[in-house]
Amino acid sequence: MKILFVCNQNQDRSKTAEELFRDRFETKSAGLYNERPVTEKEVSWADKIIVMEPEQIEEIIKRFPKFCAQKALFSLDIPDLYHYNQPSLIAALKSKINDLF
């Protein structure tokens, strides 16, 4: 399964998730508001798109409406309070992904 993890900047949450679940899924990560925002190619590649906050789903749908109609989009509800590979972020990601799958 191909999973695209998305957060605001792709510095902490989505980047950690991409690396953390690489052994379970094919993973990529992207940001919405960074210098190289998520692309149509990345969205079309993914089987599932997992964002960190609910409003990020709305933004992805707004940017890529024709692709999102065919995709499963999920929010993990993980706020932007963490640093890259922070142990509490890793624990939250593992818990939320285990609940999802």
N, C-alpha and C. Protein backbone atom coordinates (compact mmCIF):
# COMPACT_ATOMS: atom_id res chain seq x y z
N MET A 1 0.85 -1.18 0.00
CA MET A 1 0.00 0.00 0.00
C MET A 1 0.89 1.24 0.00
N LYS A 2 0.53 2.22 -0.81
CA LYS A 2 1.27 3.47 -0.93
C LYS A 2 0.58 4.54 -0.10
N ILE A 3 1.32 5.09 0.87
CA ILE A 3 0.75 6.10 1.75
C ILE A 3 1.55 7.39 1.64
N LEU A 4 0.83 8.49 1.42
CA LEU A 4 1.42 9.82 1.42
C LEU A 4 1.03 10.50 2.72
N PHE A 5 2.03 10.85 3.52
CA PHE A 5 1.80 11.59 4.76
C PHE A 5 1.99 13.08 4.48
N VAL A 6 1.04 13.89 4.94
CA VAL A 6 1.08 15.33 4.66
C VAL A 6 0.88 16.12 5.94
N CYS A 7 1.71 17.15 6.11
CA CYS A 7 1.49 18.13 7.18
C CYS A 7 1.77 19.52 6.59
N ASN A 8 1.94 20.51 7.43
CA ASN A 8 2.11 21.87 6.92
C ASN A 8 3.44 22.10 6.22
N GLN A 9 4.54 21.72 6.86
CA GLN A 9 5.87 22.04 6.32
C GLN A 9 6.69 20.83 5.89
N ASN A 10 6.27 19.63 6.24
CA ASN A 10 7.02 18.40 5.99
C ASN A 10 8.40 18.45 6.66
N GLN A 11 8.42 18.95 7.86
CA GLN A 11 9.68 18.98 8.62
C GLN A 11 9.65 18.04 9.81
N ASP A 12 8.51 17.89 10.43
CA ASP A 12 8.44 17.13 11.68
C ASP A 12 7.48 15.94 11.58
N ARG A 13 6.19 16.21 11.56
CA ARG A 13 5.20 15.13 11.67
C ARG A 13 5.19 14.19 10.46
N SER A 14 4.99 14.72 9.28
CA SER A 14 4.88 13.84 8.11
C SER A 14 6.22 13.19 7.76
N LYS A 15 7.29 13.89 7.96
CA LYS A 15 8.62 13.32 7.70
C LYS A 15 8.91 12.17 8.67
N THR A 16 8.56 12.36 9.93
CA THR A 16 8.73 11.29 10.92
C THR A 16 7.87 10.09 10.54
N ALA A 17 6.62 10.33 10.15
CA ALA A 17 5.72 9.24 9.77
C ALA A 17 6.24 8.48 8.55
N GLU A 18 6.74 9.21 7.57
CA GLU A 18 7.28 8.56 6.37
C GLU A 18 8.37 7.56 6.74
N GLU A 19 9.28 7.98 7.58
CA GLU A 19 10.40 7.12 7.98
C GLU A 19 9.96 6.01 8.93
N LEU A 20 9.05 6.32 9.83
CA LEU A 20 8.61 5.37 10.84
C LEU A 20 7.88 4.16 10.24
N PHE A 21 7.08 4.41 9.20
CA PHE A 21 6.26 3.34 8.64
C PHE A 21 6.78 2.79 7.32
N ARG A 22 7.99 3.14 6.98
CA ARG A 22 8.62 2.69 5.74
C ARG A 22 8.72 1.16 5.66
N ASP A 23 8.83 0.50 6.81
CA ASP A 23 8.95 -0.96 6.80
C ASP A 23 7.59 -1.66 6.64
N ARG A 24 6.50 -0.92 6.82
CA ARG A 24 5.14 -1.48 6.71
C ARG A 24 4.45 -1.16 5.39
N PHE A 25 4.76 0.00 4.83
CA PHE A 25 4.10 0.51 3.63
C PHE A 25 5.14 1.16 2.72
N GLU A 26 4.74 1.43 1.48
CA GLU A 26 5.51 2.34 0.63
C GLU A 26 5.11 3.74 1.08
N THR A 27 6.05 4.55 1.48
CA THR A 27 5.70 5.86 2.05
C THR A 27 6.43 7.01 1.35
N LYS A 28 5.74 8.13 1.35
CA LYS A 28 6.31 9.42 0.95
C LYS A 28 5.71 10.45 1.89
N SER A 29 6.33 11.61 1.95
CA SER A 29 5.76 12.70 2.75
C SER A 29 5.88 14.01 1.98
N ALA A 30 5.02 14.94 2.36
CA ALA A 30 5.00 16.24 1.69
C ALA A 30 4.40 17.27 2.64
N GLY A 31 4.62 18.52 2.30
CA GLY A 31 4.04 19.63 3.05
C GLY A 31 3.06 20.40 2.18
N LEU A 32 2.23 21.16 2.83
CA LEU A 32 1.27 22.00 2.11
C LEU A 32 1.79 23.41 1.88
N TYR A 33 2.58 23.91 2.81
CA TYR A 33 2.94 25.33 2.79
C TYR A 33 4.44 25.56 2.82
N ASN A 34 5.21 24.66 2.27
CA ASN A 34 6.66 24.82 2.27
C ASN A 34 7.14 25.25 0.88
N GLU A 35 8.45 25.26 0.69
CA GLU A 35 9.02 25.70 -0.58
C GLU A 35 8.68 24.76 -1.74
N ARG A 36 8.48 23.49 -1.42
CA ARG A 36 8.12 22.50 -2.44
C ARG A 36 6.85 21.78 -1.98
N PRO A 37 5.69 22.41 -2.18
CA PRO A 37 4.45 21.82 -1.67
C PRO A 37 4.06 20.54 -2.40
N VAL A 38 3.19 19.79 -1.78
CA VAL A 38 2.70 18.53 -2.32
C VAL A 38 2.26 18.72 -3.77
N THR A 39 2.56 17.72 -4.58
CA THR A 39 2.29 17.83 -6.02
C THR A 39 1.18 16.88 -6.46
N GLU A 40 0.65 17.15 -7.64
CA GLU A 40 -0.34 16.27 -8.24
C GLU A 40 0.23 14.86 -8.42
N LYS A 41 1.49 14.78 -8.78
CA LYS A 41 2.15 13.48 -8.98
C LYS A 41 2.17 12.67 -7.68
N GLU A 42 2.47 13.34 -6.55
CA GLU A 42 2.49 12.64 -5.26
C GLU A 42 1.09 12.18 -4.87
N VAL A 43 0.11 13.03 -5.07
CA VAL A 43 -1.27 12.69 -4.72
C VAL A 43 -1.76 11.54 -5.59
N SER A 44 -1.45 11.56 -6.87
CA SER A 44 -1.91 10.48 -7.75
C SER A 44 -1.19 9.17 -7.45
N TRP A 45 0.04 9.22 -6.96
CA TRP A 45 0.82 8.03 -6.61
C TRP A 45 0.19 7.27 -5.44
N ALA A 46 -0.35 7.98 -4.48
CA ALA A 46 -0.78 7.39 -3.21
C ALA A 46 -2.09 6.62 -3.31
N ASP A 47 -2.15 5.51 -2.56
CA ASP A 47 -3.42 4.80 -2.37
C ASP A 47 -4.23 5.48 -1.27
N LYS A 48 -3.52 5.92 -0.23
CA LYS A 48 -4.14 6.62 0.90
C LYS A 48 -3.32 7.87 1.20
N ILE A 49 -4.01 8.93 1.56
CA ILE A 49 -3.37 10.17 1.97
C ILE A 49 -3.72 10.39 3.43
N ILE A 50 -2.70 10.51 4.24
CA ILE A 50 -2.90 10.69 5.67
C ILE A 50 -2.33 12.04 6.08
N VAL A 51 -3.20 12.89 6.60
CA VAL A 51 -2.79 14.22 7.04
C VAL A 51 -2.73 14.24 8.56
N MET A 52 -2.15 15.27 9.10
CA MET A 52 -2.00 15.37 10.54
C MET A 52 -3.15 16.12 11.21
N GLU A 53 -3.81 17.02 10.47
CA GLU A 53 -4.90 17.82 11.03
C GLU A 53 -6.07 17.85 10.03
N PRO A 54 -7.32 17.85 10.51
CA PRO A 54 -8.49 17.77 9.63
C PRO A 54 -8.53 18.84 8.53
N GLU A 55 -8.15 20.07 8.84
CA GLU A 55 -8.23 21.13 7.83
C GLU A 55 -7.28 20.89 6.65
N GLN A 56 -6.29 20.04 6.85
CA GLN A 56 -5.37 19.71 5.76
C GLN A 56 -6.07 18.86 4.69
N ILE A 57 -7.06 18.07 5.08
CA ILE A 57 -7.85 17.33 4.10
C ILE A 57 -8.56 18.30 3.17
N GLU A 58 -9.17 19.32 3.74
CA GLU A 58 -9.88 20.32 2.94
C GLU A 58 -8.95 21.00 1.94
N GLU A 59 -7.74 21.29 2.37
CA GLU A 59 -6.77 21.96 1.49
C GLU A 59 -6.35 21.05 0.35
N ILE A 60 -6.13 19.78 0.63
CA ILE A 60 -5.76 18.84 -0.43
C ILE A 60 -6.89 18.67 -1.43
N ILE A 61 -8.12 18.56 -0.94
CA ILE A 61 -9.27 18.43 -1.83
C ILE A 61 -9.41 19.68 -2.70
N LYS A 62 -9.19 20.84 -2.12
CA LYS A 62 -9.28 22.10 -2.87
C LYS A 62 -8.22 22.14 -3.98
N ARG A 63 -7.01 21.68 -3.69
CA ARG A 63 -5.92 21.72 -4.68
C ARG A 63 -6.01 20.63 -5.73
N PHE A 64 -6.52 19.46 -5.35
CA PHE A 64 -6.51 18.30 -6.26
C PHE A 64 -7.87 17.59 -6.29
N PRO A 65 -8.93 18.29 -6.66
CA PRO A 65 -10.28 17.71 -6.56
C PRO A 65 -10.47 16.44 -7.39
N LYS A 66 -9.93 16.39 -8.59
CA LYS A 66 -10.19 15.22 -9.44
C LYS A 66 -9.49 13.96 -8.92
N PHE A 67 -8.37 14.11 -8.23
CA PHE A 67 -7.67 12.96 -7.68
C PHE A 67 -8.26 12.52 -6.35
N CYS A 68 -8.71 13.45 -5.57
CA CYS A 68 -9.19 13.13 -4.22
C CYS A 68 -10.50 12.37 -4.23
N ALA A 69 -11.26 12.47 -5.29
CA ALA A 69 -12.50 11.72 -5.38
C ALA A 69 -12.22 10.21 -5.40
N GLN A 70 -11.03 9.84 -5.79
CA GLN A 70 -10.65 8.43 -5.91
C GLN A 70 -9.77 7.95 -4.76
N LYS A 71 -9.48 8.80 -3.81
CA LYS A 71 -8.53 8.48 -2.74
C LYS A 71 -9.21 8.39 -1.38
N ALA A 72 -8.59 7.60 -0.53
CA ALA A 72 -8.99 7.56 0.88
C ALA A 72 -8.13 8.58 1.62
N LEU A 73 -8.76 9.54 2.25
CA LEU A 73 -8.06 10.58 3.01
C LEU A 73 -8.42 10.44 4.48
N PHE A 74 -7.41 10.49 5.33
CA PHE A 74 -7.59 10.35 6.77
C PHE A 74 -6.81 11.42 7.51
N SER A 75 -7.34 11.85 8.64
CA SER A 75 -6.62 12.77 9.52
C SER A 75 -6.26 12.03 10.81
N LEU A 76 -5.02 12.20 11.24
CA LEU A 76 -4.59 11.58 12.50
C LEU A 76 -4.85 12.48 13.70
N ASP A 77 -5.25 13.72 13.47
CA ASP A 77 -5.50 14.68 14.55
C ASP A 77 -4.29 14.82 15.48
N ILE A 78 -3.14 15.04 14.87
CA ILE A 78 -1.91 15.27 15.63
C ILE A 78 -1.51 16.73 15.42
N PRO A 79 -1.61 17.55 16.46
CA PRO A 79 -1.31 18.98 16.32
C PRO A 79 0.17 19.25 16.06
N ASP A 80 0.43 20.44 15.57
CA ASP A 80 1.80 20.84 15.23
C ASP A 80 2.55 21.31 16.48
N LEU A 81 2.78 20.36 17.39
CA LEU A 81 3.44 20.67 18.67
C LEU A 81 4.74 19.89 18.84
N TYR A 82 5.10 19.11 17.85
CA TYR A 82 6.19 18.16 18.01
C TYR A 82 7.39 18.52 17.14
N HIS A 83 8.51 17.90 17.49
CA HIS A 83 9.74 18.03 16.71
C HIS A 83 9.99 16.72 15.97
N TYR A 84 10.81 16.78 14.96
CA TYR A 84 11.17 15.61 14.16
C TYR A 84 11.68 14.48 15.06
N ASN A 85 11.11 13.31 14.90
CA ASN A 85 11.48 12.09 15.63
C ASN A 85 11.36 12.20 17.15
N GLN A 86 10.59 13.14 17.64
CA GLN A 86 10.37 13.27 19.08
C GLN A 86 9.67 12.00 19.58
N PRO A 87 10.12 11.41 20.68
CA PRO A 87 9.52 10.16 21.17
C PRO A 87 8.00 10.23 21.36
N SER A 88 7.48 11.34 21.86
CA SER A 88 6.03 11.44 22.04
C SER A 88 5.30 11.53 20.69
N LEU A 89 5.93 12.10 19.68
CA LEU A 89 5.36 12.11 18.34
C LEU A 89 5.33 10.70 17.77
N ILE A 90 6.41 9.97 17.93
CA ILE A 90 6.48 8.59 17.46
C ILE A 90 5.39 7.75 18.12
N ALA A 91 5.21 7.91 19.41
CA ALA A 91 4.17 7.16 20.13
C ALA A 91 2.78 7.51 19.60
N ALA A 92 2.53 8.79 19.39
CA ALA A 92 1.22 9.22 18.87
C ALA A 92 0.98 8.66 17.47
N LEU A 93 1.99 8.73 16.61
CA LEU A 93 1.86 8.21 15.25
C LEU A 93 1.58 6.71 15.26
N LYS A 94 2.32 5.97 16.06
CA LYS A 94 2.13 4.51 16.13
C LYS A 94 0.71 4.18 16.60
N SER A 95 0.25 4.86 17.62
CA SER A 95 -1.08 4.62 18.15
C SER A 95 -2.16 4.91 17.10
N LYS A 96 -2.06 6.04 16.44
CA LYS A 96 -3.08 6.44 15.46
C LYS A 96 -3.06 5.53 14.24
N ILE A 97 -1.90 5.15 13.77
CA ILE A 97 -1.80 4.26 12.61
C ILE A 97 -2.31 2.87 12.96
N ASN A 98 -1.99 2.38 14.15
CA ASN A 98 -2.51 1.07 14.58
C ASN A 98 -4.04 1.09 14.65
N ASP A 99 -4.61 2.20 15.10
CA ASP A 99 -6.07 2.33 15.14
C ASP A 99 -6.66 2.33 13.72
N LEU A 100 -5.95 2.95 12.80
CA LEU A 100 -6.42 3.08 11.42
C LEU A 100 -6.34 1.76 10.66
N PHE A 101 -5.30 0.99 10.94
CA PHE A 101 -5.08 -0.26 10.21
C PHE A 101 -5.18 -1.44 11.15
